[in-house]
Amino acid sequence: MFTRKLSFTKPMYPKAESLGITEFPYYEYDSKGNQTYYEQSNGYWFKREYDSNGIIIYYENSNGSWERYEYDSNGNETYFEDSNGYWVKKEYDCYGKRIYYENSDSEIERY
């Protein structure tokens, strides 16, 4: 089902405090300028991971929620999954038009 193995490390709680940072909100960015981490003074945080094209492939927050995404070589979203067990599969033709849709609620559409 998955085309690549993804592994992510949960940040220490609270990350900003562990770095000696006292000003909030606290942000981190990757070398391409994508926001990878955000933390508020109340301890809420979220983390994002990106693929080489700068598209989000993983999101996680301090409430325990997460989302994972996969894309084809044209940047079309082909798979989505979240921490509640919900998932979506999609397929596209060579023109980028969606030709197939299926989700964890047993909904299937062919175009």
C-alpha atoms as a PDB file:
ATOM      1  CA  MET A   1       0.000   0.000   0.000  1.00  0.00           C
ATOM      2  CA  PHE A   2       2.760   2.499   0.887  1.00  0.00           C
ATOM      3  CA  THR A   3       5.458   3.402  -1.588  1.00  0.00           C
ATOM      4  CA  ARG A   4       7.983   4.510   1.007  1.00  0.00           C
ATOM      5  CA  LYS A   5       8.652   3.948   4.665  1.00  0.00           C
ATOM      6  CA  LEU A   6       8.237   7.104   6.726  1.00  0.00           C
ATOM      7  CA  SER A   7       9.670   7.541  10.187  1.00  0.00           C
ATOM      8  CA  PHE A   8       9.276  10.563  12.386  1.00  0.00           C
ATOM      9  CA  THR A   9      10.484  11.480  15.844  1.00  0.00           C
ATOM     10  CA  LYS A  10       8.118  13.188  18.235  1.00  0.00           C
ATOM     11  CA  PRO A  11       9.624  16.394  19.608  1.00  0.00           C
ATOM     12  CA  MET A  12      10.467  16.640  23.284  1.00  0.00           C
ATOM     13  CA  TYR A  13       7.729  18.336  25.277  1.00  0.00           C
ATOM     14  CA  PRO A  14       7.985  21.242  25.399  1.00  0.00           C
ATOM     15  CA  LYS A  15      10.662  21.644  22.736  1.00  0.00           C
ATOM     16  CA  ALA A  16      11.098  25.408  22.952  1.00  0.00           C
ATOM     17  CA  GLU A  17      11.702  25.266  26.690  1.00  0.00           C
ATOM     18  CA  SER A  18      14.269  22.492  26.266  1.00  0.00           C
ATOM     19  CA  LEU A  19      16.186  24.827  23.924  1.00  0.00           C
ATOM     20  CA  GLY A  20      16.045  27.676  26.446  1.00  0.00           C
ATOM     21  CA  ILE A  21      13.583  29.650  24.358  1.00  0.00           C
ATOM     22  CA  THR A  22      11.139  31.816  26.290  1.00  0.00           C
ATOM     23  CA  GLU A  23       9.516  33.827  23.493  1.00  0.00           C
ATOM     24  CA  PHE A  24       6.361  32.398  21.950  1.00  0.00           C
ATOM     25  CA  PRO A  25       5.115  31.423  19.531  1.00  0.00           C
ATOM     26  CA  TYR A  26       8.198  29.400  18.543  1.00  0.00           C
ATOM     27  CA  TYR A  27       8.808  28.343  14.910  1.00  0.00           C
ATOM     28  CA  GLU A  28      11.270  26.136  13.025  1.00  0.00           C
ATOM     29  CA  TYR A  29      11.818  25.966   9.266  1.00  0.00           C
ATOM     30  CA  ASP A  30      13.736  23.632   6.964  1.00  0.00           C
ATOM     31  CA  SER A  31      16.384  24.780   4.475  1.00  0.00           C
ATOM     32  CA  LYS A  32      13.663  25.396   1.833  1.00  0.00           C
ATOM     33  CA  GLY A  33      11.662  27.719   4.089  1.00  0.00           C
ATOM     34  CA  ASN A  34       8.907  25.226   4.929  1.00  0.00           C
ATOM     35  CA  GLN A  35       7.569  25.512   8.468  1.00  0.00           C
ATOM     36  CA  THR A  36       8.483  22.265  10.224  1.00  0.00           C
ATOM     37  CA  TYR A  37       7.570  23.028  13.838  1.00  0.00           C
ATOM     38  CA  TYR A  38       5.345  25.424  15.768  1.00  0.00           C
ATOM     39  CA  GLU A  39       4.816  25.723  19.504  1.00  0.00           C
ATOM     40  CA  GLN A  40       2.621  27.961  21.649  1.00  0.00           C
ATOM     41  CA  SER A  41       3.303  29.014  25.238  1.00  0.00           C
ATOM     42  CA  ASN A  42       0.547  26.670  26.482  1.00  0.00           C
ATOM     43  CA  GLY A  43       2.535  23.671  25.173  1.00  0.00           C
ATOM     44  CA  TYR A  44       0.490  23.025  22.049  1.00  0.00           C
ATOM     45  CA  TRP A  45       2.746  22.156  19.103  1.00  0.00           C
ATOM     46  CA  PHE A  46       2.602  20.750  15.620  1.00  0.00           C
ATOM     47  CA  LYS A  47       5.217  19.232  13.365  1.00  0.00           C
ATOM     48  CA  ARG A  48       5.263  18.937   9.569  1.00  0.00           C
ATOM     49  CA  GLU A  49       7.456  16.857   7.257  1.00  0.00           C
ATOM     50  CA  TYR A  50       7.844  17.601   3.540  1.00  0.00           C
ATOM     51  CA  ASP A  51       8.975  15.679   0.469  1.00  0.00           C
ATOM     52  CA  SER A  52      11.717  16.952  -1.845  1.00  0.00           C
ATOM     53  CA  ASN A  53       9.126  19.076  -3.704  1.00  0.00           C
ATOM     54  CA  GLY A  54       8.027  20.902  -0.551  1.00  0.00           C
ATOM     55  CA  ILE A  55       4.694  19.071  -0.313  1.00  0.00           C
ATOM     56  CA  ILE A  56       3.509  18.045   3.164  1.00  0.00           C
ATOM     57  CA  ILE A  57       3.784  14.282   3.714  1.00  0.00           C
ATOM     58  CA  TYR A  58       3.242  14.167   7.475  1.00  0.00           C
ATOM     59  CA  TYR A  59       1.562  16.305  10.129  1.00  0.00           C
ATOM     60  CA  GLU A  60       1.401  15.631  13.850  1.00  0.00           C
ATOM     61  CA  ASN A  61       0.291  17.702  16.843  1.00  0.00           C
ATOM     62  CA  SER A  62       0.475  17.597  20.627  1.00  0.00           C
ATOM     63  CA  ASN A  63      -3.161  16.428  20.826  1.00  0.00           C
ATOM     64  CA  GLY A  64      -2.022  13.083  19.379  1.00  0.00           C
ATOM     65  CA  SER A  65      -3.486  13.647  15.923  1.00  0.00           C
ATOM     66  CA  TRP A  66      -1.457  12.879  12.813  1.00  0.00           C
ATOM     67  CA  GLU A  67      -1.959  12.771   9.060  1.00  0.00           C
ATOM     68  CA  ARG A  68       0.144  11.106   6.365  1.00  0.00           C
ATOM     69  CA  TYR A  69       0.064  11.877   2.642  1.00  0.00           C
ATOM     70  CA  GLU A  70       1.527  10.267  -0.487  1.00  0.00           C
ATOM     71  CA  TYR A  71       1.741  11.756  -3.980  1.00  0.00           C
ATOM     72  CA  ASP A  72       2.465  10.525  -7.487  1.00  0.00           C
ATOM     73  CA  SER A  73       5.265  11.933  -9.651  1.00  0.00           C
ATOM     74  CA  ASN A  74       2.904  14.690 -10.891  1.00  0.00           C
ATOM     75  CA  GLY A  75       2.138  15.924  -7.377  1.00  0.00           C
ATOM     76  CA  ASN A  76      -1.369  14.438  -7.215  1.00  0.00           C
ATOM     77  CA  GLU A  77      -2.350  13.149  -3.777  1.00  0.00           C
ATOM     78  CA  THR A  78      -2.666   9.358  -4.043  1.00  0.00           C
ATOM     79  CA  TYR A  79      -3.040   8.374  -0.401  1.00  0.00           C
ATOM     80  CA  PHE A  80      -4.177   9.997   2.832  1.00  0.00           C
ATOM     81  CA  GLU A  81      -4.383   8.452   6.281  1.00  0.00           C
ATOM     82  CA  ASP A  82      -5.055   9.940   9.712  1.00  0.00           C
ATOM     83  CA  SER A  83      -4.812   8.986  13.366  1.00  0.00           C
ATOM     84  CA  ASN A  84      -8.529   8.133  13.482  1.00  0.00           C
ATOM     85  CA  GLY A  85      -8.017   5.298  10.991  1.00  0.00           C
ATOM     86  CA  TYR A  86      -9.599   7.145   8.079  1.00  0.00           C
ATOM     87  CA  TRP A  87      -7.848   6.716   4.719  1.00  0.00           C
ATOM     88  CA  VAL A  88      -8.351   7.661   1.080  1.00  0.00           C
ATOM     89  CA  LYS A  89      -6.785   6.184  -2.071  1.00  0.00           C
ATOM     90  CA  LYS A  90      -6.863   8.047  -5.389  1.00  0.00           C
ATOM     91  CA  GLU A  91      -5.620   7.309  -8.900  1.00  0.00           C
ATOM     92  CA  TYR A  92      -5.161   9.718 -11.807  1.00  0.00           C
ATOM     93  CA  ASP A  93      -4.817   9.428 -15.570  1.00  0.00           C
ATOM     94  CA  CYS A  94      -1.878  10.868 -17.508  1.00  0.00           C
ATOM     95  CA  TYR A  95      -3.664  14.253 -17.654  1.00  0.00           C
ATOM     96  CA  GLY A  96      -4.022  14.557 -13.880  1.00  0.00           C
ATOM     97  CA  LYS A  97      -7.749  13.796 -13.899  1.00  0.00           C
ATOM     98  CA  ARG A  98      -8.870  11.616 -11.007  1.00  0.00           C
ATOM     99  CA  ILE A  99     -10.095   8.248 -12.256  1.00  0.00           C
ATOM    100  CA  TYR A 100     -10.467   6.318  -9.001  1.00  0.00           C
ATOM    101  CA  TYR A 101     -11.401   7.125  -5.405  1.00  0.00           C
ATOM    102  CA  GLU A 102     -11.764   4.807  -2.420  1.00  0.00           C
ATOM    103  CA  ASN A 103     -11.932   5.480   1.305  1.00  0.00           C
ATOM    104  CA  SER A 104     -12.110   3.624   4.601  1.00  0.00           C
ATOM    105  CA  ASP A 105     -15.885   4.206   4.744  1.00  0.00           C
ATOM    106  CA  SER A 106     -16.219   1.754   1.810  1.00  0.00           C
ATOM    107  CA  GLU A 107     -16.974   4.484  -0.702  1.00  0.00           C
ATOM    108  CA  ILE A 108     -15.619   3.674  -4.153  1.00  0.00           C
ATOM    109  CA  GLU A 109     -15.898   5.860  -7.241  1.00  0.00           C
ATOM    110  CA  ARG A 110     -14.586   5.187 -10.739  1.00  0.00           C
ATOM    111  CA  TYR A 111     -14.636   7.965 -13.331  1.00  0.00           C
END
